[in-house]
Amino acid sequence: MGIHDILEGKKHWRAHVARIKALPPDYRIVYQEMQKYLFKVGPVDLVDGRLFAGILDFFEEGAAAGTGVLDLIGPDVAAFTDGLIKDSPTYADLYQQSLAKKAKEAADRPTRP
């Protein structure tokens, strides 16, 4: 990754943040809570940025239509967010898989008398 890529990434992130700030307050609060949750849960494909851009597009359309954010996604923000990533592997999943693999390798290793 070169300096040009880093600068382009920063430029895109700043534009993304500006779009978030332009959302109505209720949308902005829900978006930021979803973002915090997703950063914590850590879907592996989060780094490509498409998920956040898609959520933001969806929220902008809902706000433009005059729909309340909870009318758009439902009353359970966590369930909605989980639904977005239900088929995506998370870093926690990868960690669990590596632990299971190490346990299997340890169990398969012959013991010394």
N, C-alpha and C. Protein backbone atom coordinates (compact mmCIF):
# COMPACT_ATOMS: atom_id res chain seq x y z
N MET A 1 0.86 -1.17 0.00
CA MET A 1 0.00 0.00 0.00
C MET A 1 0.90 1.23 0.00
N GLY A 2 0.73 2.04 -1.00
CA GLY A 2 1.54 3.24 -1.14
C GLY A 2 0.90 4.44 -0.47
N ILE A 3 1.64 5.53 -0.46
CA ILE A 3 1.16 6.77 0.15
C ILE A 3 -0.10 7.27 -0.55
N HIS A 4 -0.16 7.08 -1.86
CA HIS A 4 -1.33 7.52 -2.62
C HIS A 4 -2.58 6.77 -2.16
N ASP A 5 -2.45 5.47 -1.93
CA ASP A 5 -3.58 4.66 -1.45
C ASP A 5 -4.04 5.12 -0.07
N ILE A 6 -3.08 5.43 0.78
CA ILE A 6 -3.41 5.90 2.14
C ILE A 6 -4.17 7.22 2.07
N LEU A 7 -3.68 8.14 1.24
CA LEU A 7 -4.34 9.44 1.11
C LEU A 7 -5.74 9.31 0.52
N GLU A 8 -5.88 8.43 -0.46
CA GLU A 8 -7.21 8.19 -1.05
C GLU A 8 -8.16 7.60 -0.01
N GLY A 9 -7.65 6.67 0.79
CA GLY A 9 -8.47 6.08 1.84
C GLY A 9 -8.94 7.11 2.84
N LYS A 10 -8.05 8.01 3.23
CA LYS A 10 -8.42 9.09 4.16
C LYS A 10 -9.47 10.00 3.55
N LYS A 11 -9.30 10.30 2.27
CA LYS A 11 -10.24 11.17 1.57
C LYS A 11 -11.63 10.53 1.55
N HIS A 12 -11.68 9.25 1.24
CA HIS A 12 -12.97 8.54 1.22
C HIS A 12 -13.59 8.48 2.62
N TRP A 13 -12.77 8.23 3.64
CA TRP A 13 -13.29 8.16 5.01
C TRP A 13 -13.85 9.51 5.44
N ARG A 14 -13.15 10.60 5.12
CA ARG A 14 -13.64 11.93 5.49
C ARG A 14 -14.97 12.24 4.80
N ALA A 15 -15.10 11.84 3.54
CA ALA A 15 -16.36 12.05 2.83
C ALA A 15 -17.47 11.22 3.48
N HIS A 16 -17.12 10.01 3.90
CA HIS A 16 -18.08 9.14 4.58
C HIS A 16 -18.55 9.77 5.89
N VAL A 17 -17.62 10.28 6.66
CA VAL A 17 -17.95 10.93 7.94
C VAL A 17 -18.82 12.16 7.71
N ALA A 18 -18.55 12.91 6.66
CA ALA A 18 -19.37 14.09 6.34
C ALA A 18 -20.81 13.67 6.03
N ARG A 19 -20.97 12.54 5.33
CA ARG A 19 -22.31 12.03 5.04
C ARG A 19 -23.03 11.62 6.32
N ILE A 20 -22.29 11.03 7.26
CA ILE A 20 -22.89 10.63 8.54
C ILE A 20 -23.38 11.86 9.28
N LYS A 21 -22.55 12.90 9.31
CA LYS A 21 -22.92 14.14 10.02
C LYS A 21 -24.13 14.82 9.41
N ALA A 22 -24.39 14.57 8.12
CA ALA A 22 -25.53 15.18 7.45
C ALA A 22 -26.84 14.44 7.73
N LEU A 23 -26.77 13.26 8.33
CA LEU A 23 -27.99 12.51 8.66
C LEU A 23 -28.77 13.22 9.76
N PRO A 24 -30.08 13.00 9.81
CA PRO A 24 -30.86 13.51 10.95
C PRO A 24 -30.33 12.89 12.25
N PRO A 25 -30.50 13.57 13.37
CA PRO A 25 -29.92 13.08 14.65
C PRO A 25 -30.26 11.64 15.01
N ASP A 26 -31.53 11.23 14.82
CA ASP A 26 -31.88 9.85 15.20
C ASP A 26 -31.17 8.84 14.31
N TYR A 27 -31.06 9.11 13.04
CA TYR A 27 -30.33 8.23 12.12
C TYR A 27 -28.84 8.18 12.50
N ARG A 28 -28.29 9.35 12.79
CA ARG A 28 -26.86 9.44 13.12
C ARG A 28 -26.55 8.62 14.38
N ILE A 29 -27.39 8.73 15.39
CA ILE A 29 -27.17 7.98 16.64
C ILE A 29 -27.22 6.48 16.38
N VAL A 30 -28.22 6.02 15.64
CA VAL A 30 -28.34 4.59 15.35
C VAL A 30 -27.16 4.12 14.51
N TYR A 31 -26.77 4.91 13.51
CA TYR A 31 -25.63 4.53 12.66
C TYR A 31 -24.37 4.39 13.51
N GLN A 32 -24.12 5.36 14.38
CA GLN A 32 -22.91 5.32 15.20
C GLN A 32 -22.92 4.14 16.16
N GLU A 33 -24.08 3.79 16.70
CA GLU A 33 -24.16 2.62 17.57
C GLU A 33 -23.92 1.33 16.78
N MET A 34 -24.46 1.26 15.58
CA MET A 34 -24.21 0.10 14.73
C MET A 34 -22.73 0.00 14.38
N GLN A 35 -22.13 1.13 14.09
CA GLN A 35 -20.71 1.16 13.75
C GLN A 35 -19.86 0.67 14.92
N LYS A 36 -20.15 1.15 16.12
CA LYS A 36 -19.41 0.69 17.31
C LYS A 36 -19.54 -0.81 17.49
N TYR A 37 -20.76 -1.30 17.34
CA TYR A 37 -21.01 -2.73 17.50
C TYR A 37 -20.24 -3.53 16.46
N LEU A 38 -20.28 -3.09 15.21
CA LEU A 38 -19.59 -3.82 14.15
C LEU A 38 -18.08 -3.79 14.33
N PHE A 39 -17.55 -2.69 14.81
CA PHE A 39 -16.11 -2.64 15.09
C PHE A 39 -15.75 -3.61 16.21
N LYS A 40 -16.64 -3.77 17.17
CA LYS A 40 -16.39 -4.67 18.29
C LYS A 40 -16.51 -6.13 17.87
N VAL A 41 -17.55 -6.46 17.12
CA VAL A 41 -17.80 -7.83 16.70
C VAL A 41 -16.79 -8.26 15.64
N GLY A 42 -16.47 -7.35 14.75
CA GLY A 42 -15.40 -7.57 13.80
C GLY A 42 -15.64 -8.55 12.67
N PRO A 43 -16.66 -8.32 11.82
CA PRO A 43 -16.75 -9.17 10.64
C PRO A 43 -15.48 -9.02 9.81
N VAL A 44 -14.98 -10.10 9.28
CA VAL A 44 -13.72 -10.10 8.55
C VAL A 44 -13.78 -9.18 7.33
N ASP A 45 -14.91 -9.15 6.65
CA ASP A 45 -15.00 -8.34 5.44
C ASP A 45 -15.37 -6.88 5.71
N LEU A 46 -15.28 -6.45 6.94
CA LEU A 46 -15.59 -5.07 7.30
C LEU A 46 -14.60 -4.10 6.69
N VAL A 47 -13.37 -4.53 6.50
CA VAL A 47 -12.32 -3.62 6.04
C VAL A 47 -12.55 -3.11 4.62
N ASP A 48 -13.35 -3.79 3.81
CA ASP A 48 -13.56 -3.30 2.45
C ASP A 48 -14.49 -2.09 2.40
N GLY A 49 -15.21 -1.80 3.49
CA GLY A 49 -16.01 -0.59 3.59
C GLY A 49 -17.38 -0.64 2.95
N ARG A 50 -17.70 -1.72 2.24
CA ARG A 50 -18.99 -1.78 1.55
C ARG A 50 -20.16 -1.84 2.52
N LEU A 51 -19.97 -2.50 3.66
CA LEU A 51 -21.08 -2.64 4.61
C LEU A 51 -21.49 -1.27 5.14
N PHE A 52 -20.51 -0.47 5.58
CA PHE A 52 -20.83 0.85 6.12
C PHE A 52 -21.43 1.76 5.04
N ALA A 53 -20.89 1.69 3.84
CA ALA A 53 -21.42 2.50 2.75
C ALA A 53 -22.86 2.09 2.43
N GLY A 54 -23.13 0.80 2.45
CA GLY A 54 -24.49 0.32 2.18
C GLY A 54 -25.48 0.76 3.25
N ILE A 55 -25.07 0.69 4.51
CA ILE A 55 -25.94 1.14 5.60
C ILE A 55 -26.21 2.63 5.45
N LEU A 56 -25.18 3.38 5.14
CA LEU A 56 -25.33 4.83 4.99
C LEU A 56 -26.25 5.16 3.82
N ASP A 57 -26.10 4.48 2.69
CA ASP A 57 -27.00 4.70 1.55
C ASP A 57 -28.45 4.42 1.96
N PHE A 58 -28.65 3.30 2.65
CA PHE A 58 -29.98 2.90 3.11
C PHE A 58 -30.57 3.96 4.04
N PHE A 59 -29.76 4.45 4.97
CA PHE A 59 -30.24 5.48 5.90
C PHE A 59 -30.53 6.79 5.19
N GLU A 60 -29.70 7.17 4.24
CA GLU A 60 -29.95 8.42 3.50
C GLU A 60 -31.27 8.34 2.73
N GLU A 61 -31.54 7.18 2.14
CA GLU A 61 -32.80 7.00 1.41
C GLU A 61 -33.99 7.08 2.37
N GLY A 62 -33.86 6.44 3.52
CA GLY A 62 -34.94 6.48 4.50
C GLY A 62 -35.19 7.88 5.03
N ALA A 63 -34.11 8.60 5.30
CA ALA A 63 -34.25 9.98 5.78
C ALA A 63 -34.87 10.87 4.72
N ALA A 64 -34.46 10.69 3.46
CA ALA A 64 -35.01 11.49 2.37
C ALA A 64 -36.51 11.23 2.19
N ALA A 65 -36.93 10.00 2.47
CA ALA A 65 -38.34 9.64 2.36
C ALA A 65 -39.15 10.09 3.58
N GLY A 66 -38.46 10.58 4.60
CA GLY A 66 -39.15 11.04 5.81
C GLY A 66 -39.53 9.92 6.76
N THR A 67 -38.94 8.75 6.58
CA THR A 67 -39.22 7.60 7.43
C THR A 67 -38.35 7.67 8.68
N GLY A 68 -38.91 7.38 9.83
CA GLY A 68 -38.12 7.32 11.06
C GLY A 68 -37.17 6.13 11.01
N VAL A 69 -36.03 6.26 11.65
CA VAL A 69 -35.01 5.20 11.56
C VAL A 69 -35.52 3.88 12.13
N LEU A 70 -36.26 3.91 13.22
CA LEU A 70 -36.76 2.67 13.79
C LEU A 70 -37.91 2.08 12.97
N ASP A 71 -38.62 2.92 12.23
CA ASP A 71 -39.62 2.42 11.29
C ASP A 71 -38.94 1.71 10.13
N LEU A 72 -37.73 2.15 9.80
CA LEU A 72 -36.97 1.59 8.69
C LEU A 72 -36.33 0.25 9.05
N ILE A 73 -35.74 0.17 10.25
CA ILE A 73 -34.98 -1.04 10.61
C ILE A 73 -35.66 -1.89 11.66
N GLY A 74 -36.67 -1.37 12.31
CA GLY A 74 -37.34 -2.11 13.37
C GLY A 74 -36.85 -1.65 14.73
N PRO A 75 -37.52 -2.08 15.79
CA PRO A 75 -37.19 -1.59 17.13
C PRO A 75 -35.91 -2.17 17.73
N ASP A 76 -35.43 -3.28 17.19
CA ASP A 76 -34.24 -3.93 17.76
C ASP A 76 -33.04 -3.68 16.85
N VAL A 77 -32.27 -2.66 17.19
CA VAL A 77 -31.12 -2.26 16.37
C VAL A 77 -30.08 -3.38 16.32
N ALA A 78 -29.85 -4.04 17.45
CA ALA A 78 -28.85 -5.12 17.49
C ALA A 78 -29.26 -6.28 16.59
N ALA A 79 -30.53 -6.64 16.60
CA ALA A 79 -31.01 -7.75 15.75
C ALA A 79 -30.86 -7.39 14.28
N PHE A 80 -31.17 -6.14 13.94
CA PHE A 80 -31.01 -5.70 12.56
C PHE A 80 -29.53 -5.78 12.14
N THR A 81 -28.65 -5.32 13.00
CA THR A 81 -27.22 -5.33 12.71
C THR A 81 -26.71 -6.76 12.60
N ASP A 82 -27.13 -7.62 13.51
CA ASP A 82 -26.74 -9.03 13.43
C ASP A 82 -27.22 -9.67 12.13
N GLY A 83 -28.40 -9.27 11.69
CA GLY A 83 -28.92 -9.79 10.43
C GLY A 83 -28.07 -9.41 9.24
N LEU A 84 -27.44 -8.25 9.31
CA LEU A 84 -26.57 -7.81 8.21
C LEU A 84 -25.31 -8.66 8.09
N ILE A 85 -24.85 -9.20 9.21
CA ILE A 85 -23.57 -9.92 9.21
C ILE A 85 -23.73 -11.41 9.51
N LYS A 86 -24.96 -11.91 9.48
CA LYS A 86 -25.21 -13.30 9.91
C LYS A 86 -24.41 -14.33 9.12
N ASP A 87 -24.12 -14.07 7.86
CA ASP A 87 -23.39 -15.04 7.05
C ASP A 87 -21.92 -14.68 6.89
N SER A 88 -21.48 -13.64 7.59
CA SER A 88 -20.09 -13.19 7.48
C SER A 88 -19.26 -13.76 8.62
N PRO A 89 -18.11 -14.34 8.30
CA PRO A 89 -17.25 -14.81 9.38
C PRO A 89 -16.66 -13.61 10.15
N THR A 90 -16.56 -13.77 11.45
CA THR A 90 -15.99 -12.71 12.28
C THR A 90 -14.61 -13.13 12.77
N TYR A 91 -13.89 -12.17 13.31
CA TYR A 91 -12.58 -12.50 13.87
C TYR A 91 -12.73 -13.46 15.05
N ALA A 92 -13.82 -13.35 15.77
CA ALA A 92 -14.08 -14.28 16.87
C ALA A 92 -14.26 -15.70 16.33
N ASP A 93 -14.94 -15.83 15.19
CA ASP A 93 -15.10 -17.15 14.56
C ASP A 93 -13.74 -17.73 14.16
N LEU A 94 -12.91 -16.90 13.55
CA LEU A 94 -11.58 -17.35 13.14
C LEU A 94 -10.75 -17.78 14.34
N TYR A 95 -10.87 -17.04 15.43
CA TYR A 95 -10.14 -17.37 16.65
C TYR A 95 -10.62 -18.72 17.20
N GLN A 96 -11.93 -18.91 17.24
CA GLN A 96 -12.48 -20.19 17.72
C GLN A 96 -12.01 -21.35 16.85
N GLN A 97 -11.98 -21.13 15.54
CA GLN A 97 -11.52 -22.18 14.63
C GLN A 97 -10.05 -22.51 14.88
N SER A 98 -9.23 -21.48 15.12
CA SER A 98 -7.80 -21.75 15.37
C SER A 98 -7.61 -22.49 16.69
N LEU A 99 -8.42 -22.16 17.70
CA LEU A 99 -8.33 -22.87 18.98
C LEU A 99 -8.74 -24.33 18.81
N ALA A 100 -9.80 -24.57 18.05
CA ALA A 100 -10.26 -25.94 17.81
C ALA A 100 -9.20 -26.73 17.06
N LYS A 101 -8.55 -26.10 16.10
CA LYS A 101 -7.50 -26.76 15.33
C LYS A 101 -6.31 -27.12 16.23
N LYS A 102 -5.92 -26.19 17.10
CA LYS A 102 -4.81 -26.45 18.02
C LYS A 102 -5.17 -27.57 18.99
N ALA A 103 -6.40 -27.59 19.47
CA ALA A 103 -6.84 -28.63 20.40
C ALA A 103 -6.82 -29.99 19.70
N LYS A 104 -7.27 -30.03 18.46
CA LYS A 104 -7.26 -31.27 17.70
C LYS A 104 -5.84 -31.75 17.46
N GLU A 105 -4.95 -30.84 17.11
CA GLU A 105 -3.55 -31.20 16.89
C GLU A 105 -2.92 -31.73 18.17
N ALA A 106 -3.25 -31.11 19.29
CA ALA A 106 -2.71 -31.56 20.58
C ALA A 106 -3.25 -32.94 20.94
N ALA A 107 -4.52 -33.18 20.64
CA ALA A 107 -5.12 -34.47 20.94
C ALA A 107 -4.57 -35.58 20.04
N ASP A 108 -4.22 -35.23 18.81
CA ASP A 108 -3.70 -36.20 17.85
C ASP A 108 -2.21 -36.51 18.08
N ARG A 109 -1.54 -35.62 18.80
CA ARG A 109 -0.11 -35.82 19.04
C ARG A 109 0.10 -37.00 19.99
N PRO A 110 1.01 -37.91 19.65
CA PRO A 110 1.25 -39.05 20.55
C PRO A 110 1.89 -38.55 21.85
N THR A 111 1.49 -39.19 22.92
CA THR A 111 2.05 -38.85 24.22
C THR A 111 3.26 -39.71 24.51
N ARG A 112 4.20 -39.15 25.24
CA ARG A 112 5.41 -39.91 25.61
C ARG A 112 5.15 -40.70 26.88
N PRO A 113 5.67 -41.90 26.92
CA PRO A 113 5.45 -42.71 28.14
C PRO A 113 6.27 -42.23 29.31
